[in-house]
Amino acid sequence: MDMMVWTGVAITTLGLLGLAWCMLRANAARRAKLEGHALVRHLRTLVAMNVASFSVAAIGLTVVIAGILL
């Protein structure tokens, strides 16, 4: 079960790295002072990536909990 816990930790780390990437990209968009359609287009891709990263992190935490319980 140790293998399952460490695999879950790795998956969770990937999700957290994705979330950090989203934060950096949103901050870059703010600094670039995007407006209108350019901002909407940029944020649409960020929202999709943010949801995907959050989901990956949640799956990783689920694997960790399953590894601990088993």
PDB file of N, CA and C in Angstrom:
ATOM      1  N   MET A   1       0.795  -1.184   0.000  1.00  0.00           N
ATOM      2  CA  MET A   1       0.000   0.000   0.000  1.00  0.00           C
ATOM      3  C   MET A   1       0.851   1.267   0.000  1.00  0.00           C
ATOM      4  N   ASP A   2       2.124   1.129   0.376  1.00  0.00           N
ATOM      5  CA  ASP A   2       3.009   2.296   0.313  1.00  0.00           C
ATOM      6  C   ASP A   2       3.108   2.832  -1.105  1.00  0.00           C
ATOM      7  N   MET A   3       3.120   1.921  -2.062  1.00  0.00           N
ATOM      8  CA  MET A   3       3.207   2.325  -3.465  1.00  0.00           C
ATOM      9  C   MET A   3       1.981   3.152  -3.863  1.00  0.00           C
ATOM     10  N   MET A   4       0.831   2.764  -3.360  1.00  0.00           N
ATOM     11  CA  MET A   4      -0.402   3.484  -3.672  1.00  0.00           C
ATOM     12  C   MET A   4      -0.384   4.895  -3.074  1.00  0.00           C
ATOM     13  N   VAL A   5       0.122   5.014  -1.864  1.00  0.00           N
ATOM     14  CA  VAL A   5       0.207   6.326  -1.218  1.00  0.00           C
ATOM     15  C   VAL A   5       1.150   7.233  -1.985  1.00  0.00           C
ATOM     16  N   TRP A   6       2.314   6.739  -2.351  1.00  0.00           N
ATOM     17  CA  TRP A   6       3.291   7.570  -3.056  1.00  0.00           C
ATOM     18  C   TRP A   6       2.836   7.916  -4.472  1.00  0.00           C
ATOM     19  N   THR A   7       2.103   7.013  -5.101  1.00  0.00           N
ATOM     20  CA  THR A   7       1.527   7.333  -6.411  1.00  0.00           C
ATOM     21  C   THR A   7       0.499   8.452  -6.264  1.00  0.00           C
ATOM     22  N   GLY A   8      -0.321   8.380  -5.228  1.00  0.00           N
ATOM     23  CA  GLY A   8      -1.298   9.438  -4.968  1.00  0.00           C
ATOM     24  C   GLY A   8      -0.630  10.773  -4.671  1.00  0.00           C
ATOM     25  N   VAL A   9       0.476  10.730  -3.954  1.00  0.00           N
ATOM     26  CA  VAL A   9       1.222  11.964  -3.669  1.00  0.00           C
ATOM     27  C   VAL A   9       1.749  12.571  -4.965  1.00  0.00           C
ATOM     28  N   ALA A  10       2.257  11.732  -5.855  1.00  0.00           N
ATOM     29  CA  ALA A  10       2.768  12.226  -7.139  1.00  0.00           C
ATOM     30  C   ALA A  10       1.651  12.835  -7.976  1.00  0.00           C
ATOM     31  N   ILE A  11       0.496  12.187  -8.006  1.00  0.00           N
ATOM     32  CA  ILE A  11      -0.638  12.705  -8.776  1.00  0.00           C
ATOM     33  C   ILE A  11      -1.122  14.029  -8.186  1.00  0.00           C
ATOM     34  N   THR A  12      -1.197  14.092  -6.863  1.00  0.00           N
ATOM     35  CA  THR A  12      -1.615  15.326  -6.203  1.00  0.00           C
ATOM     36  C   THR A  12      -0.633  16.455  -6.489  1.00  0.00           C
ATOM     37  N   THR A  13       0.642  16.147  -6.483  1.00  0.00           N
ATOM     38  CA  THR A  13       1.663  17.161  -6.778  1.00  0.00           C
ATOM     39  C   THR A  13       1.498  17.700  -8.193  1.00  0.00           C
ATOM     40  N   LEU A  14       1.208  16.830  -9.143  1.00  0.00           N
ATOM     41  CA  LEU A  14       0.965  17.294 -10.514  1.00  0.00           C
ATOM     42  C   LEU A  14      -0.229  18.241 -10.567  1.00  0.00           C
ATOM     43  N   GLY A  15      -1.288  17.906  -9.838  1.00  0.00           N
ATOM     44  CA  GLY A  15      -2.451  18.784  -9.795  1.00  0.00           C
ATOM     45  C   GLY A  15      -2.135  20.135  -9.175  1.00  0.00           C
ATOM     46  N   LEU A  16      -1.360  20.125  -8.108  1.00  0.00           N
ATOM     47  CA  LEU A  16      -0.986  21.382  -7.462  1.00  0.00           C
ATOM     48  C   LEU A  16      -0.072  22.229  -8.339  1.00  0.00           C
ATOM     49  N   LEU A  17       0.802  21.576  -9.084  1.00  0.00           N
ATOM     50  CA  LEU A  17       1.646  22.314 -10.028  1.00  0.00           C
ATOM     51  C   LEU A  17       0.799  22.955 -11.122  1.00  0.00           C
ATOM     52  N   GLY A  18      -0.222  22.253 -11.563  1.00  0.00           N
ATOM     53  CA  GLY A  18      -1.142  22.821 -12.549  1.00  0.00           C
ATOM     54  C   GLY A  18      -1.881  24.030 -11.996  1.00  0.00           C
ATOM     55  N   LEU A  19      -2.293  23.957 -10.739  1.00  0.00           N
ATOM     56  CA  LEU A  19      -2.963  25.096 -10.117  1.00  0.00           C
ATOM     57  C   LEU A  19      -2.019  26.292  -9.984  1.00  0.00           C
ATOM     58  N   ALA A  20      -0.771  26.028  -9.634  1.00  0.00           N
ATOM     59  CA  ALA A  20       0.216  27.111  -9.542  1.00  0.00           C
ATOM     60  C   ALA A  20       0.443  27.742 -10.916  1.00  0.00           C
ATOM     61  N   TRP A  21       0.477  26.908 -11.956  1.00  0.00           N
ATOM     62  CA  TRP A  21       0.649  27.417 -13.317  1.00  0.00           C
ATOM     63  C   TRP A  21      -0.514  28.334 -13.688  1.00  0.00           C
ATOM     64  N   CYS A  22      -1.730  27.943 -13.308  1.00  0.00           N
ATOM     65  CA  CYS A  22      -2.906  28.770 -13.586  1.00  0.00           C
ATOM     66  C   CYS A  22      -2.803  30.128 -12.885  1.00  0.00           C
ATOM     67  N   MET A  23      -2.338  30.113 -11.651  1.00  0.00           N
ATOM     68  CA  MET A  23      -2.183  31.373 -10.924  1.00  0.00           C
ATOM     69  C   MET A  23      -1.163  32.278 -11.597  1.00  0.00           C
ATOM     70  N   LEU A  24      -0.059  31.692 -12.045  1.00  0.00           N
ATOM     71  CA  LEU A  24       0.967  32.494 -12.714  1.00  0.00           C
ATOM     72  C   LEU A  24       0.457  33.078 -14.026  1.00  0.00           C
ATOM     73  N   ARG A  25      -0.299  32.282 -14.788  1.00  0.00           N
ATOM     74  CA  ARG A  25      -0.848  32.768 -16.061  1.00  0.00           C
ATOM     75  C   ARG A  25      -1.893  33.863 -15.834  1.00  0.00           C
ATOM     76  N   ALA A  26      -2.715  33.731 -14.785  1.00  0.00           N
ATOM     77  CA  ALA A  26      -3.708  34.761 -14.486  1.00  0.00           C
ATOM     78  C   ALA A  26      -3.024  36.053 -14.061  1.00  0.00           C
ATOM     79  N   ASN A  27      -1.966  35.924 -13.289  1.00  0.00           N
ATOM     80  CA  ASN A  27      -1.210  37.103 -12.880  1.00  0.00           C
ATOM     81  C   ASN A  27      -0.550  37.767 -14.078  1.00  0.00           C
ATOM     82  N   ALA A  28      -0.058  36.969 -15.013  1.00  0.00           N
ATOM     83  CA  ALA A  28       0.549  37.531 -16.225  1.00  0.00           C
ATOM     84  C   ALA A  28      -0.495  38.258 -17.063  1.00  0.00           C
ATOM     85  N   ALA A  29      -1.702  37.742 -17.113  1.00  0.00           N
ATOM     86  CA  ALA A  29      -2.771  38.414 -17.861  1.00  0.00           C
ATOM     87  C   ALA A  29      -3.140  39.735 -17.201  1.00  0.00           C
ATOM     88  N   ARG A  30      -3.124  39.746 -15.887  1.00  0.00           N
ATOM     89  CA  ARG A  30      -3.425  40.995 -15.186  1.00  0.00           C
ATOM     90  C   ARG A  30      -2.340  42.041 -15.444  1.00  0.00           C
ATOM     91  N   ARG A  31      -1.078  41.593 -15.398  1.00  0.00           N
ATOM     92  CA  ARG A  31       0.022  42.524 -15.659  1.00  0.00           C
ATOM     93  C   ARG A  31       0.017  43.022 -17.097  1.00  0.00           C
ATOM     94  N   ALA A  32      -0.434  42.180 -18.031  1.00  0.00           N
ATOM     95  CA  ALA A  32      -0.495  42.577 -19.436  1.00  0.00           C
ATOM     96  C   ALA A  32      -1.676  43.500 -19.714  1.00  0.00           C
ATOM     97  N   LYS A  33      -2.568  43.641 -18.721  1.00  0.00           N
ATOM     98  CA  LYS A  33      -3.745  44.502 -18.815  1.00  0.00           C
ATOM     99  C   LYS A  33      -4.593  44.163 -20.033  1.00  0.00           C
ATOM    100  N   LEU A  34      -4.876  42.861 -20.187  1.00  0.00           N
ATOM    101  CA  LEU A  34      -5.740  42.427 -21.274  1.00  0.00           C
ATOM    102  C   LEU A  34      -7.161  42.923 -21.037  1.00  0.00           C
ATOM    103  N   GLU A  35      -7.858  43.225 -22.125  1.00  0.00           N
ATOM    104  CA  GLU A  35      -9.228  43.707 -22.018  1.00  0.00           C
ATOM    105  C   GLU A  35     -10.091  43.051 -23.082  1.00  0.00           C
ATOM    106  N   GLY A  36     -11.372  43.037 -22.840  1.00  0.00           N
ATOM    107  CA  GLY A  36     -12.336  42.588 -23.826  1.00  0.00           C
ATOM    108  C   GLY A  36     -12.204  41.123 -24.194  1.00  0.00           C
ATOM    109  N   HIS A  37     -12.254  40.881 -25.499  1.00  0.00           N
ATOM    110  CA  HIS A  37     -12.247  39.510 -26.006  1.00  0.00           C
ATOM    111  C   HIS A  37     -10.931  38.783 -25.718  1.00  0.00           C
ATOM    112  N   ALA A  38      -9.832  39.501 -25.711  1.00  0.00           N
ATOM    113  CA  ALA A  38      -8.543  38.860 -25.426  1.00  0.00           C
ATOM    114  C   ALA A  38      -8.526  38.311 -24.001  1.00  0.00           C
ATOM    115  N   LEU A  39      -9.065  39.080 -23.076  1.00  0.00           N
ATOM    116  CA  LEU A  39      -9.119  38.637 -21.682  1.00  0.00           C
ATOM    117  C   LEU A  39     -10.069  37.444 -21.522  1.00  0.00           C
ATOM    118  N   VAL A  40     -11.215  37.501 -22.167  1.00  0.00           N
ATOM    119  CA  VAL A  40     -12.182  36.403 -22.083  1.00  0.00           C
ATOM    120  C   VAL A  40     -11.586  35.119 -22.644  1.00  0.00           C
ATOM    121  N   ARG A  41     -10.928  35.214 -23.801  1.00  0.00           N
ATOM    122  CA  ARG A  41     -10.310  34.043 -24.423  1.00  0.00           C
ATOM    123  C   ARG A  41      -9.234  33.457 -23.511  1.00  0.00           C
ATOM    124  N   HIS A  42      -8.431  34.324 -22.921  1.00  0.00           N
ATOM    125  CA  HIS A  42      -7.352  33.875 -22.034  1.00  0.00           C
ATOM    126  C   HIS A  42      -7.930  33.191 -20.791  1.00  0.00           C
ATOM    127  N   LEU A  43      -8.955  33.780 -20.203  1.00  0.00           N
ATOM    128  CA  LEU A  43      -9.527  33.229 -18.981  1.00  0.00           C
ATOM    129  C   LEU A  43     -10.300  31.937 -19.230  1.00  0.00           C
ATOM    130  N   ARG A  44     -10.883  31.776 -20.408  1.00  0.00           N
ATOM    131  CA  ARG A  44     -11.580  30.522 -20.712  1.00  0.00           C
ATOM    132  C   ARG A  44     -10.621  29.336 -20.677  1.00  0.00           C
ATOM    133  N   THR A  45      -9.452  29.516 -21.255  1.00  0.00           N
ATOM    134  CA  THR A  45      -8.478  28.420 -21.229  1.00  0.00           C
ATOM    135  C   THR A  45      -7.971  28.190 -19.808  1.00  0.00           C
ATOM    136  N   LEU A  46      -7.823  29.267 -19.048  1.00  0.00           N
ATOM    137  CA  LEU A  46      -7.356  29.119 -17.673  1.00  0.00           C
ATOM    138  C   LEU A  46      -8.385  28.418 -16.795  1.00  0.00           C
ATOM    139  N   VAL A  47      -9.652  28.708 -17.002  1.00  0.00           N
ATOM    140  CA  VAL A  47     -10.693  28.068 -16.199  1.00  0.00           C
ATOM    141  C   VAL A  47     -10.709  26.569 -16.478  1.00  0.00           C
ATOM    142  N   ALA A  48     -10.594  26.194 -17.745  1.00  0.00           N
ATOM    143  CA  ALA A  48     -10.575  24.766 -18.088  1.00  0.00           C
ATOM    144  C   ALA A  48      -9.368  24.070 -17.458  1.00  0.00           C
ATOM    145  N   MET A  49      -8.208  24.706 -17.538  1.00  0.00           N
ATOM    146  CA  MET A  49      -7.003  24.126 -16.959  1.00  0.00           C
ATOM    147  C   MET A  49      -7.101  24.073 -15.436  1.00  0.00           C
ATOM    148  N   ASN A  50      -7.724  25.086 -14.843  1.00  0.00           N
ATOM    149  CA  ASN A  50      -7.884  25.130 -13.394  1.00  0.00           C
ATOM    150  C   ASN A  50      -8.779  23.985 -12.910  1.00  0.00           C
ATOM    151  N   VAL A  51      -9.884  23.759 -13.595  1.00  0.00           N
ATOM    152  CA  VAL A  51     -10.790  22.672 -13.217  1.00  0.00           C
ATOM    153  C   VAL A  51     -10.096  21.321 -13.381  1.00  0.00           C
ATOM    154  N   ALA A  52      -9.356  21.164 -14.474  1.00  0.00           N
ATOM    155  CA  ALA A  52      -8.642  19.904 -14.709  1.00  0.00           C
ATOM    156  C   ALA A  52      -7.584  19.669 -13.627  1.00  0.00           C
ATOM    157  N   SER A  53      -6.843  20.703 -13.282  1.00  0.00           N
ATOM    158  CA  SER A  53      -5.806  20.572 -12.255  1.00  0.00           C
ATOM    159  C   SER A  53      -6.410  20.249 -10.896  1.00  0.00           C
ATOM    160  N   PHE A  54      -7.504  20.902 -10.575  1.00  0.00           N
ATOM    161  CA  PHE A  54      -8.181  20.623  -9.309  1.00  0.00           C
ATOM    162  C   PHE A  54      -8.670  19.175  -9.267  1.00  0.00           C
ATOM    163  N   SER A  55      -9.204  18.708 -10.390  1.00  0.00           N
ATOM    164  CA  SER A  55      -9.692  17.330 -10.452  1.00  0.00           C
ATOM    165  C   SER A  55      -8.556  16.329 -10.286  1.00  0.00           C
ATOM    166  N   VAL A  56      -7.427  16.592 -10.914  1.00  0.00           N
ATOM    167  CA  VAL A  56      -6.269  15.701 -10.781  1.00  0.00           C
ATOM    168  C   VAL A  56      -5.789  15.668  -9.335  1.00  0.00           C
ATOM    169  N   ALA A  57      -5.743  16.827  -8.685  1.00  0.00           N
ATOM    170  CA  ALA A  57      -5.324  16.872  -7.282  1.00  0.00           C
ATOM    171  C   ALA A  57      -6.304  16.111  -6.398  1.00  0.00           C
ATOM    172  N   ALA A  58      -7.597  16.235  -6.676  1.00  0.00           N
ATOM    173  CA  ALA A  58      -8.599  15.519  -5.880  1.00  0.00           C
ATOM    174  C   ALA A  58      -8.483  14.012  -6.080  1.00  0.00           C
ATOM    175  N   ILE A  59      -8.240  13.579  -7.303  1.00  0.00           N
ATOM    176  CA  ILE A  59      -8.056  12.148  -7.567  1.00  0.00           C
ATOM    177  C   ILE A  59      -6.816  11.636  -6.833  1.00  0.00           C
ATOM    178  N   GLY A  60      -5.761  12.416  -6.858  1.00  0.00           N
ATOM    179  CA  GLY A  60      -4.547  12.026  -6.145  1.00  0.00           C
ATOM    180  C   GLY A  60      -4.776  11.883  -4.651  1.00  0.00           C
ATOM    181  N   LEU A  61      -5.518  12.822  -4.072  1.00  0.00           N
ATOM    182  CA  LEU A  61      -5.816  12.725  -2.641  1.00  0.00           C
ATOM    183  C   LEU A  61      -6.704  11.524  -2.334  1.00  0.00           C
ATOM    184  N   THR A  62      -7.590  11.199  -3.253  1.00  0.00           N
ATOM    185  CA  THR A  62      -8.434  10.019  -3.079  1.00  0.00           C
ATOM    186  C   THR A  62      -7.583   8.751  -3.083  1.00  0.00           C
ATOM    187  N   VAL A  63      -6.597   8.702  -3.964  1.00  0.00           N
ATOM    188  CA  VAL A  63      -5.693   7.541  -4.019  1.00  0.00           C
ATOM    189  C   VAL A  63      -4.891   7.441  -2.728  1.00  0.00           C
ATOM    190  N   VAL A  64      -4.440   8.578  -2.211  1.00  0.00           N
ATOM    191  CA  VAL A  64      -3.693   8.572  -0.942  1.00  0.00           C
ATOM    192  C   VAL A  64      -4.561   8.027   0.185  1.00  0.00           C
ATOM    193  N   ILE A  65      -5.797   8.509   0.277  1.00  0.00           N
ATOM    194  CA  ILE A  65      -6.697   8.043   1.341  1.00  0.00           C
ATOM    195  C   ILE A  65      -6.992   6.557   1.188  1.00  0.00           C
ATOM    196  N   ALA A  66      -7.211   6.122  -0.048  1.00  0.00           N
ATOM    197  CA  ALA A  66      -7.461   4.695  -0.273  1.00  0.00           C
ATOM    198  C   ALA A  66      -6.253   3.864   0.128  1.00  0.00           C
ATOM    199  N   GLY A  67      -5.051   4.347  -0.184  1.00  0.00           N
ATOM    200  CA  GLY A  67      -3.828   3.630   0.203  1.00  0.00           C
ATOM    201  C   GLY A  67      -3.659   3.568   1.701  1.00  0.00           C
ATOM    202  N   ILE A  68      -4.043   4.614   2.398  1.00  0.00           N
ATOM    203  CA  ILE A  68      -3.929   4.616   3.864  1.00  0.00           C
ATOM    204  C   ILE A  68      -4.947   3.665   4.484  1.00  0.00           C
ATOM    205  N   LEU A  69      -6.170   3.678   3.939  1.00  0.00           N
ATOM    206  CA  LEU A  69      -7.217   2.845   4.514  1.00  0.00           C
ATOM    207  C   LEU A  69      -6.996   1.357   4.235  1.00  0.00           C
ATOM    208  N   LEU A  70      -6.383   1.043   3.109  1.00  0.00           N
ATOM    209  CA  LEU A  70      -6.146  -0.363   2.805  1.00  0.00           C
ATOM    210  C   LEU A  70      -4.896  -0.794   3.502  1.00  0.00           C
TER     211      LEU A  70
END
